[in-house]
Amino acid sequence: IATGVITACRAVNLGVPLVVRMKGTNEELGKKMLAESGLPIISADTMAEAAQKVVAAVK
Protein backbone atom coordinates (compact mmCIF):
# COMPACT_ATOMS: atom_id res chain seq x y z
CA ILE A 1 0.00 0.00 0.00
CA ALA A 2 2.75 2.46 0.93
CA THR A 3 4.49 1.99 -2.41
CA GLY A 4 1.24 2.73 -4.24
CA VAL A 5 0.57 5.84 -2.16
CA ILE A 6 4.08 7.15 -2.81
CA THR A 7 3.83 6.42 -6.54
CA ALA A 8 0.44 8.14 -6.81
CA CYS A 9 1.61 11.19 -4.86
CA ARG A 10 4.61 11.58 -7.13
CA ALA A 11 2.46 11.14 -10.25
CA VAL A 12 0.13 13.99 -9.28
CA ASN A 13 2.86 16.21 -7.78
CA LEU A 14 1.19 16.26 -4.37
CA GLY A 15 1.54 19.74 -2.93
CA VAL A 16 -0.59 19.43 0.19
CA PRO A 17 -0.23 17.13 3.19
CA LEU A 18 -1.87 13.71 2.87
CA VAL A 19 -2.89 11.80 6.00
CA VAL A 20 -2.83 8.02 5.60
CA ARG A 21 -4.11 5.48 8.12
CA MET A 22 -1.61 2.62 8.17
CA LYS A 23 -2.65 -0.61 9.88
CA GLY A 24 -1.97 -4.26 9.16
CA THR A 25 0.72 -6.48 7.72
CA ASN A 26 4.06 -4.68 7.34
CA GLU A 27 2.61 -1.46 8.76
CA GLU A 28 5.93 -0.44 10.35
CA LEU A 29 7.75 -0.86 7.04
CA GLY A 30 4.99 1.11 5.29
CA LYS A 31 5.19 3.95 7.82
CA LYS A 32 8.96 4.05 7.40
CA MET A 33 8.64 4.19 3.61
CA LEU A 34 6.14 7.05 3.83
CA ALA A 35 8.29 8.96 6.32
CA GLU A 36 11.41 8.58 4.18
CA SER A 37 9.67 9.39 0.87
CA GLY A 38 10.31 13.13 1.13
CA LEU A 39 6.62 13.73 0.39
CA PRO A 40 4.14 15.53 2.67
CA ILE A 41 2.57 12.26 3.84
CA ILE A 42 1.51 11.88 7.47
CA SER A 43 0.72 8.40 8.80
CA ALA A 44 -1.77 7.60 11.55
CA ASP A 45 -2.71 4.44 13.42
CA THR A 46 -6.44 5.09 13.88
CA MET A 47 -9.15 7.05 12.13
CA ALA A 48 -9.45 9.32 15.20
CA GLU A 49 -5.71 10.04 15.10
CA ALA A 50 -5.93 10.65 11.36
CA ALA A 51 -8.74 13.16 11.90
CA GLN A 52 -6.68 14.99 14.53
CA LYS A 53 -3.69 15.11 12.19
CA VAL A 54 -5.84 16.49 9.36
CA VAL A 55 -7.09 19.29 11.62
CA ALA A 56 -3.53 20.06 12.73
CA ALA A 57 -2.26 20.05 9.14
CA VAL A 58 -4.76 22.66 7.96
CA LYS A 59 -4.04 25.11 10.79
C-alpha atoms as a PDB file:
ATOM      1  CA  ILE A   1       0.000   0.000   0.000  1.00  0.00           C
ATOM      2  CA  ALA A   2       2.749   2.462   0.931  1.00  0.00           C
ATOM      3  CA  THR A   3       4.485   1.993  -2.412  1.00  0.00           C
ATOM      4  CA  GLY A   4       1.236   2.728  -4.244  1.00  0.00           C
ATOM      5  CA  VAL A   5       0.568   5.843  -2.159  1.00  0.00           C
ATOM      6  CA  ILE A   6       4.078   7.148  -2.813  1.00  0.00           C
ATOM      7  CA  THR A   7       3.833   6.421  -6.545  1.00  0.00           C
ATOM      8  CA  ALA A   8       0.444   8.138  -6.813  1.00  0.00           C
ATOM      9  CA  CYS A   9       1.613  11.186  -4.860  1.00  0.00           C
ATOM     10  CA  ARG A  10       4.615  11.582  -7.131  1.00  0.00           C
ATOM     11  CA  ALA A  11       2.457  11.137 -10.248  1.00  0.00           C
ATOM     12  CA  VAL A  12       0.133  13.987  -9.277  1.00  0.00           C
ATOM     13  CA  ASN A  13       2.859  16.215  -7.783  1.00  0.00           C
ATOM     14  CA  LEU A  14       1.192  16.255  -4.370  1.00  0.00           C
ATOM     15  CA  GLY A  15       1.540  19.739  -2.932  1.00  0.00           C
ATOM     16  CA  VAL A  16      -0.585  19.430   0.193  1.00  0.00           C
ATOM     17  CA  PRO A  17      -0.231  17.127   3.190  1.00  0.00           C
ATOM     18  CA  LEU A  18      -1.873  13.713   2.865  1.00  0.00           C
ATOM     19  CA  VAL A  19      -2.887  11.800   5.996  1.00  0.00           C
ATOM     20  CA  VAL A  20      -2.827   8.020   5.598  1.00  0.00           C
ATOM     21  CA  ARG A  21      -4.107   5.478   8.122  1.00  0.00           C
ATOM     22  CA  MET A  22      -1.611   2.621   8.167  1.00  0.00           C
ATOM     23  CA  LYS A  23      -2.651  -0.605   9.876  1.00  0.00           C
ATOM     24  CA  GLY A  24      -1.965  -4.262   9.157  1.00  0.00           C
ATOM     25  CA  THR A  25       0.724  -6.478   7.724  1.00  0.00           C
ATOM     26  CA  ASN A  26       4.060  -4.676   7.341  1.00  0.00           C
ATOM     27  CA  GLU A  27       2.611  -1.457   8.759  1.00  0.00           C
ATOM     28  CA  GLU A  28       5.928  -0.438  10.353  1.00  0.00           C
ATOM     29  CA  LEU A  29       7.746  -0.860   7.035  1.00  0.00           C
ATOM     30  CA  GLY A  30       4.994   1.110   5.289  1.00  0.00           C
ATOM     31  CA  LYS A  31       5.195   3.950   7.816  1.00  0.00           C
ATOM     32  CA  LYS A  32       8.962   4.053   7.403  1.00  0.00           C
ATOM     33  CA  MET A  33       8.642   4.192   3.610  1.00  0.00           C
ATOM     34  CA  LEU A  34       6.135   7.054   3.830  1.00  0.00           C
ATOM     35  CA  ALA A  35       8.295   8.958   6.322  1.00  0.00           C
ATOM     36  CA  GLU A  36      11.411   8.581   4.178  1.00  0.00           C
ATOM     37  CA  SER A  37       9.674   9.392   0.869  1.00  0.00           C
ATOM     38  CA  GLY A  38      10.305  13.125   1.129  1.00  0.00           C
ATOM     39  CA  LEU A  39       6.620  13.731   0.389  1.00  0.00           C
ATOM     40  CA  PRO A  40       4.136  15.530   2.670  1.00  0.00           C
ATOM     41  CA  ILE A  41       2.567  12.257   3.837  1.00  0.00           C
ATOM     42  CA  ILE A  42       1.510  11.875   7.467  1.00  0.00           C
ATOM     43  CA  SER A  43       0.724   8.403   8.799  1.00  0.00           C
ATOM     44  CA  ALA A  44      -1.772   7.604  11.546  1.00  0.00           C
ATOM     45  CA  ASP A  45      -2.712   4.435  13.422  1.00  0.00           C
ATOM     46  CA  THR A  46      -6.439   5.086  13.881  1.00  0.00           C
ATOM     47  CA  MET A  47      -9.153   7.054  12.134  1.00  0.00           C
ATOM     48  CA  ALA A  48      -9.446   9.321  15.198  1.00  0.00           C
ATOM     49  CA  GLU A  49      -5.711  10.038  15.103  1.00  0.00           C
ATOM     50  CA  ALA A  50      -5.929  10.653  11.359  1.00  0.00           C
ATOM     51  CA  ALA A  51      -8.738  13.163  11.899  1.00  0.00           C
ATOM     52  CA  GLN A  52      -6.680  14.990  14.533  1.00  0.00           C
ATOM     53  CA  LYS A  53      -3.686  15.113  12.195  1.00  0.00           C
ATOM     54  CA  VAL A  54      -5.838  16.491   9.364  1.00  0.00           C
ATOM     55  CA  VAL A  55      -7.088  19.285  11.620  1.00  0.00           C
ATOM     56  CA  ALA A  56      -3.525  20.058  12.735  1.00  0.00           C
ATOM     57  CA  ALA A  57      -2.255  20.045   9.139  1.00  0.00           C
ATOM     58  CA  VAL A  58      -4.762  22.656   7.965  1.00  0.00           C
ATOM     59  CA  LYS A  59      -4.042  25.108  10.787  1.00  0.00           C
END
